[in-house]
């Protein structure tokens, strides 16, 4: 995890710093449902490269938002899940989902 002096003074800027990228938000959205394997995440996130997914997952793990677990079944695989801190972001993602639904209902349909 980062130290307090490494984060912006503004709490909104801190949150954006932690989860503000498109991919991190979509990874969070998926992990709110259940744990995922790397390959599953990559297939579910159309357009993300393995490099960007790896970087995003490592960053989120370093920030304490997700946990990486190696499962020793054969073949070995890795599973990602939300940490307690990550779970606390459920309300943020729910508010974004609610806004997206409301917005789509208010705009005129494409002609």
N, C-alpha and C. Protein backbone atom coordinates (compact mmCIF):
# COMPACT_ATOMS: atom_id res chain seq x y z
N UNK A 1 0.83 -1.19 0.00
CA UNK A 1 0.00 0.00 0.00
C UNK A 1 0.87 1.24 0.00
N UNK A 2 0.31 2.29 -0.55
CA UNK A 2 1.04 3.56 -0.58
C UNK A 2 0.99 4.23 0.79
N UNK A 3 1.95 5.07 1.03
CA UNK A 3 1.95 5.87 2.25
C UNK A 3 1.08 7.10 2.03
N UNK A 4 0.59 7.69 3.11
CA UNK A 4 -0.27 8.87 3.02
C UNK A 4 0.40 10.02 2.28
N UNK A 5 1.71 10.18 2.49
CA UNK A 5 2.40 11.30 1.84
C UNK A 5 2.60 11.07 0.34
N UNK A 6 2.28 9.89 -0.15
CA UNK A 6 2.37 9.60 -1.59
C UNK A 6 1.06 9.85 -2.32
N UNK A 7 0.02 10.16 -1.57
CA UNK A 7 -1.30 10.36 -2.15
C UNK A 7 -1.67 11.84 -2.21
N UNK A 8 -2.55 12.21 -3.14
CA UNK A 8 -2.99 13.61 -3.21
C UNK A 8 -3.72 14.03 -1.93
N UNK A 9 -3.73 15.33 -1.66
CA UNK A 9 -4.45 15.84 -0.49
C UNK A 9 -5.96 15.65 -0.63
N UNK A 10 -6.46 15.83 -1.83
CA UNK A 10 -7.90 15.74 -2.09
C UNK A 10 -8.36 14.28 -2.05
N UNK A 11 -9.40 13.95 -1.26
CA UNK A 11 -9.88 12.57 -1.18
C UNK A 11 -10.44 12.05 -2.50
N UNK A 12 -11.07 12.92 -3.29
CA UNK A 12 -11.58 12.50 -4.59
C UNK A 12 -10.41 12.15 -5.52
N UNK A 13 -9.37 12.97 -5.50
CA UNK A 13 -8.19 12.70 -6.31
C UNK A 13 -7.52 11.39 -5.87
N UNK A 14 -7.53 11.10 -4.59
CA UNK A 14 -6.97 9.85 -4.09
C UNK A 14 -7.73 8.66 -4.67
N UNK A 15 -9.06 8.73 -4.64
CA UNK A 15 -9.89 7.64 -5.17
C UNK A 15 -9.65 7.48 -6.67
N UNK A 16 -9.61 8.58 -7.40
CA UNK A 16 -9.35 8.52 -8.83
C UNK A 16 -7.98 7.93 -9.09
N UNK A 17 -7.02 8.29 -8.27
CA UNK A 17 -5.66 7.78 -8.41
C UNK A 17 -5.64 6.25 -8.26
N UNK A 18 -6.48 5.72 -7.38
CA UNK A 18 -6.50 4.28 -7.12
C UNK A 18 -7.30 3.49 -8.15
N UNK A 19 -8.44 4.03 -8.59
CA UNK A 19 -9.32 3.25 -9.47
C UNK A 19 -9.79 4.02 -10.69
N UNK A 20 -9.13 5.12 -11.02
CA UNK A 20 -9.64 6.02 -12.05
C UNK A 20 -9.50 5.57 -13.49
N UNK A 21 -8.77 4.52 -13.77
CA UNK A 21 -8.65 4.11 -15.16
C UNK A 21 -9.86 3.27 -15.57
N UNK A 22 -10.16 3.32 -16.84
CA UNK A 22 -11.27 2.55 -17.40
C UNK A 22 -11.13 1.07 -17.02
N UNK A 23 -9.95 0.53 -17.19
CA UNK A 23 -9.77 -0.89 -16.98
C UNK A 23 -9.89 -1.27 -15.51
N UNK A 24 -9.36 -0.46 -14.62
CA UNK A 24 -9.47 -0.78 -13.19
C UNK A 24 -10.92 -0.79 -12.75
N UNK A 25 -11.70 0.14 -13.24
CA UNK A 25 -13.12 0.17 -12.88
C UNK A 25 -13.84 -1.07 -13.39
N UNK A 26 -13.53 -1.49 -14.60
CA UNK A 26 -14.18 -2.68 -15.15
C UNK A 26 -13.70 -3.96 -14.47
N UNK A 27 -12.45 -4.00 -14.07
CA UNK A 27 -11.95 -5.13 -13.29
C UNK A 27 -12.69 -5.20 -11.96
N UNK A 28 -12.82 -4.05 -11.30
CA UNK A 28 -13.57 -3.99 -10.03
C UNK A 28 -15.00 -4.47 -10.22
N UNK A 29 -15.65 -4.00 -11.28
CA UNK A 29 -17.02 -4.41 -11.57
C UNK A 29 -17.12 -5.93 -11.62
N UNK A 30 -16.19 -6.57 -12.32
CA UNK A 30 -16.23 -8.02 -12.42
C UNK A 30 -15.96 -8.70 -11.08
N UNK A 31 -14.96 -8.20 -10.36
CA UNK A 31 -14.58 -8.84 -9.10
C UNK A 31 -15.63 -8.65 -8.00
N UNK A 32 -16.53 -7.70 -8.18
CA UNK A 32 -17.62 -7.55 -7.22
C UNK A 32 -18.59 -8.72 -7.30
N UNK A 33 -18.59 -9.41 -8.42
CA UNK A 33 -19.50 -10.54 -8.62
C UNK A 33 -18.91 -11.83 -8.05
N UNK A 34 -17.61 -12.07 -8.34
CA UNK A 34 -16.96 -13.31 -7.90
C UNK A 34 -15.46 -13.21 -8.18
N UNK A 35 -14.68 -14.15 -7.64
CA UNK A 35 -13.26 -14.21 -8.01
C UNK A 35 -13.12 -14.64 -9.48
N UNK A 36 -12.07 -14.16 -10.12
CA UNK A 36 -11.82 -14.47 -11.53
C UNK A 36 -10.38 -14.90 -11.72
N UNK A 37 -10.16 -15.73 -12.72
CA UNK A 37 -8.82 -16.06 -13.18
C UNK A 37 -8.39 -15.03 -14.21
N UNK A 38 -7.09 -14.94 -14.44
CA UNK A 38 -6.55 -13.96 -15.37
C UNK A 38 -7.19 -14.09 -16.75
N UNK A 39 -7.20 -15.29 -17.30
CA UNK A 39 -7.74 -15.51 -18.64
C UNK A 39 -9.21 -15.16 -18.75
N UNK A 40 -9.96 -15.45 -17.70
CA UNK A 40 -11.39 -15.10 -17.69
C UNK A 40 -11.56 -13.58 -17.73
N UNK A 41 -10.77 -12.89 -16.93
CA UNK A 41 -10.84 -11.43 -16.92
C UNK A 41 -10.50 -10.87 -18.30
N UNK A 42 -9.44 -11.38 -18.89
CA UNK A 42 -9.02 -10.85 -20.19
C UNK A 42 -10.10 -11.07 -21.24
N UNK A 43 -10.73 -12.24 -21.24
CA UNK A 43 -11.80 -12.52 -22.22
C UNK A 43 -13.02 -11.63 -21.98
N UNK A 44 -13.30 -11.31 -20.73
CA UNK A 44 -14.50 -10.53 -20.41
C UNK A 44 -14.31 -9.03 -20.66
N UNK A 45 -13.07 -8.58 -20.77
CA UNK A 45 -12.77 -7.16 -20.95
C UNK A 45 -12.29 -6.93 -22.38
N UNK A 46 -13.24 -6.78 -23.26
CA UNK A 46 -12.93 -6.66 -24.69
C UNK A 46 -11.99 -5.49 -24.95
N UNK A 47 -10.87 -5.79 -25.59
CA UNK A 47 -9.92 -4.75 -25.96
C UNK A 47 -8.74 -4.59 -25.03
N UNK A 48 -8.74 -5.24 -23.88
CA UNK A 48 -7.62 -5.09 -22.95
C UNK A 48 -6.49 -6.05 -23.37
N UNK A 49 -5.28 -5.56 -23.32
CA UNK A 49 -4.13 -6.41 -23.62
C UNK A 49 -3.68 -7.12 -22.34
N UNK A 50 -2.96 -8.21 -22.51
CA UNK A 50 -2.44 -8.94 -21.35
C UNK A 50 -1.52 -8.04 -20.53
N UNK A 51 -0.76 -7.20 -21.21
CA UNK A 51 0.18 -6.30 -20.52
C UNK A 51 -0.57 -5.29 -19.64
N UNK A 52 -1.62 -4.68 -20.18
CA UNK A 52 -2.39 -3.69 -19.42
C UNK A 52 -3.13 -4.37 -18.27
N UNK A 53 -3.69 -5.55 -18.51
CA UNK A 53 -4.38 -6.27 -17.45
C UNK A 53 -3.41 -6.63 -16.33
N UNK A 54 -2.25 -7.14 -16.69
CA UNK A 54 -1.24 -7.49 -15.69
C UNK A 54 -0.83 -6.26 -14.88
N UNK A 55 -0.58 -5.16 -15.55
CA UNK A 55 -0.19 -3.92 -14.88
C UNK A 55 -1.29 -3.43 -13.94
N UNK A 56 -2.53 -3.46 -14.40
CA UNK A 56 -3.66 -3.00 -13.58
C UNK A 56 -3.83 -3.89 -12.35
N UNK A 57 -3.75 -5.20 -12.55
CA UNK A 57 -3.91 -6.13 -11.42
C UNK A 57 -2.78 -5.95 -10.41
N UNK A 58 -1.56 -5.80 -10.88
CA UNK A 58 -0.42 -5.60 -9.96
C UNK A 58 -0.58 -4.31 -9.17
N UNK A 59 -1.00 -3.26 -9.85
CA UNK A 59 -1.20 -1.98 -9.18
C UNK A 59 -2.30 -2.06 -8.13
N UNK A 60 -3.40 -2.70 -8.49
CA UNK A 60 -4.52 -2.84 -7.55
C UNK A 60 -4.14 -3.73 -6.36
N UNK A 61 -3.33 -4.74 -6.61
CA UNK A 61 -2.85 -5.59 -5.52
C UNK A 61 -1.92 -4.80 -4.60
N UNK A 62 -1.01 -4.03 -5.19
CA UNK A 62 -0.08 -3.22 -4.39
C UNK A 62 -0.82 -2.18 -3.55
N UNK A 63 -1.95 -1.68 -4.06
CA UNK A 63 -2.74 -0.70 -3.34
C UNK A 63 -3.70 -1.33 -2.33
N UNK A 64 -3.73 -2.67 -2.27
CA UNK A 64 -4.57 -3.36 -1.29
C UNK A 64 -6.02 -3.50 -1.68
N UNK A 65 -6.34 -3.28 -2.96
CA UNK A 65 -7.73 -3.34 -3.42
C UNK A 65 -8.13 -4.77 -3.78
N UNK A 66 -7.19 -5.52 -4.31
CA UNK A 66 -7.46 -6.91 -4.65
C UNK A 66 -6.43 -7.83 -4.02
N UNK A 67 -6.76 -9.12 -4.00
CA UNK A 67 -5.85 -10.13 -3.50
C UNK A 67 -5.62 -11.15 -4.61
N UNK A 68 -4.40 -11.60 -4.72
CA UNK A 68 -4.00 -12.61 -5.70
C UNK A 68 -3.76 -13.90 -4.94
N UNK A 69 -4.39 -14.97 -5.41
CA UNK A 69 -4.25 -16.25 -4.73
C UNK A 69 -3.82 -17.32 -5.74
N UNK A 70 -2.73 -18.00 -5.43
CA UNK A 70 -2.28 -19.10 -6.27
C UNK A 70 -2.98 -20.36 -5.80
N UNK A 71 -3.66 -21.02 -6.72
CA UNK A 71 -4.38 -22.25 -6.40
C UNK A 71 -3.53 -23.42 -6.88
N UNK A 72 -3.21 -24.31 -5.96
CA UNK A 72 -2.24 -25.36 -6.25
C UNK A 72 -2.84 -26.61 -6.89
N UNK A 73 -4.00 -26.48 -7.49
CA UNK A 73 -4.53 -27.60 -8.26
C UNK A 73 -3.68 -27.76 -9.51
N UNK A 74 -3.75 -28.90 -10.13
CA UNK A 74 -3.05 -29.10 -11.40
C UNK A 74 -4.01 -28.84 -12.53
N UNK A 75 -3.71 -28.00 -13.48
CA UNK A 75 -2.54 -27.14 -13.50
C UNK A 75 -2.69 -25.98 -12.51
N UNK A 76 -1.56 -25.44 -12.07
CA UNK A 76 -1.58 -24.29 -11.18
C UNK A 76 -2.27 -23.12 -11.87
N UNK A 77 -3.01 -22.36 -11.11
CA UNK A 77 -3.59 -21.14 -11.66
C UNK A 77 -3.72 -20.09 -10.57
N UNK A 78 -3.96 -18.87 -11.02
CA UNK A 78 -4.05 -17.72 -10.12
C UNK A 78 -5.47 -17.18 -10.18
N UNK A 79 -5.97 -16.79 -9.03
CA UNK A 79 -7.31 -16.24 -8.93
C UNK A 79 -7.22 -14.87 -8.26
N UNK A 80 -8.02 -13.95 -8.74
CA UNK A 80 -8.05 -12.61 -8.17
C UNK A 80 -9.40 -12.38 -7.52
N UNK A 81 -9.38 -11.75 -6.36
CA UNK A 81 -10.60 -11.42 -5.64
C UNK A 81 -10.42 -10.08 -4.95
N UNK A 82 -11.53 -9.47 -4.56
CA UNK A 82 -11.45 -8.20 -3.86
C UNK A 82 -11.00 -8.41 -2.42
N UNK A 83 -10.22 -7.49 -1.93
CA UNK A 83 -9.86 -7.47 -0.51
C UNK A 83 -11.01 -6.77 0.24
N UNK A 84 -10.88 -6.65 1.54
CA UNK A 84 -11.88 -5.90 2.31
C UNK A 84 -11.96 -4.45 1.82
N UNK A 85 -10.80 -3.88 1.54
CA UNK A 85 -10.77 -2.51 1.02
C UNK A 85 -11.48 -2.43 -0.33
N UNK A 86 -11.23 -3.40 -1.19
CA UNK A 86 -11.90 -3.45 -2.48
C UNK A 86 -13.40 -3.59 -2.34
N UNK A 87 -13.83 -4.42 -1.40
CA UNK A 87 -15.28 -4.59 -1.14
C UNK A 87 -15.92 -3.28 -0.72
N UNK A 88 -15.16 -2.42 -0.05
CA UNK A 88 -15.72 -1.15 0.40
C UNK A 88 -16.04 -0.22 -0.77
N UNK A 89 -15.58 -0.56 -1.96
CA UNK A 89 -15.87 0.24 -3.16
C UNK A 89 -17.17 -0.17 -3.85
N UNK A 90 -17.85 -1.14 -3.29
CA UNK A 90 -19.11 -1.63 -3.87
C UNK A 90 -20.10 -0.48 -4.07
N UNK A 91 -20.22 0.39 -3.10
CA UNK A 91 -21.17 1.51 -3.20
C UNK A 91 -20.80 2.48 -4.32
N UNK A 92 -19.51 2.68 -4.53
CA UNK A 92 -19.06 3.57 -5.61
C UNK A 92 -19.48 3.00 -6.97
N UNK A 93 -19.22 1.72 -7.17
CA UNK A 93 -19.55 1.07 -8.44
C UNK A 93 -21.08 1.02 -8.60
N UNK A 94 -21.81 0.75 -7.53
CA UNK A 94 -23.28 0.72 -7.61
C UNK A 94 -23.83 2.10 -7.99
N UNK A 95 -23.24 3.16 -7.45
CA UNK A 95 -23.69 4.52 -7.79
C UNK A 95 -23.40 4.81 -9.27
N UNK A 96 -22.26 4.36 -9.76
CA UNK A 96 -21.93 4.56 -11.17
C UNK A 96 -22.89 3.78 -12.07
N UNK A 97 -23.23 2.57 -11.65
CA UNK A 97 -24.19 1.76 -12.42
C UNK A 97 -25.56 2.44 -12.45
N UNK A 98 -25.98 2.92 -11.31
CA UNK A 98 -27.27 3.61 -11.23
C UNK A 98 -27.30 4.86 -12.11
N UNK A 99 -26.24 5.63 -12.08
CA UNK A 99 -26.15 6.82 -12.92
C UNK A 99 -26.21 6.43 -14.40
N UNK A 100 -25.47 5.38 -14.79
CA UNK A 100 -25.46 4.93 -16.18
C UNK A 100 -26.84 4.50 -16.65
N UNK A 101 -27.57 3.81 -15.80
CA UNK A 101 -28.94 3.38 -16.14
C UNK A 101 -29.83 4.60 -16.33
N UNK A 102 -29.79 5.53 -15.37
CA UNK A 102 -30.61 6.75 -15.45
C UNK A 102 -30.27 7.57 -16.69
N UNK A 103 -29.00 7.71 -16.96
CA UNK A 103 -28.57 8.50 -18.11
C UNK A 103 -29.08 7.90 -19.41
N UNK A 104 -28.94 6.59 -19.54
CA UNK A 104 -29.40 5.92 -20.77
C UNK A 104 -30.90 6.08 -20.96
N UNK A 105 -31.65 6.13 -19.88
CA UNK A 105 -33.11 6.29 -19.98
C UNK A 105 -33.50 7.71 -20.36
N UNK A 106 -32.66 8.68 -20.05
CA UNK A 106 -32.98 10.09 -20.30
C UNK A 106 -32.57 10.57 -21.68
N UNK A 107 -31.61 9.93 -22.30
CA UNK A 107 -31.17 10.41 -23.61
C UNK A 107 -32.08 9.85 -24.69
N UNK A 108 -32.15 10.59 -25.79
CA UNK A 108 -33.02 10.13 -26.88
C UNK A 108 -32.37 8.97 -27.61
N UNK A 109 -33.18 8.03 -28.09
CA UNK A 109 -32.62 6.88 -28.79
C UNK A 109 -31.97 7.29 -30.12
N UNK A 110 -31.02 6.51 -30.54
CA UNK A 110 -30.35 6.78 -31.83
C UNK A 110 -31.35 6.60 -32.96
N UNK A 111 -31.21 7.43 -33.94
CA UNK A 111 -32.16 7.35 -35.06
C UNK A 111 -31.53 6.70 -36.25
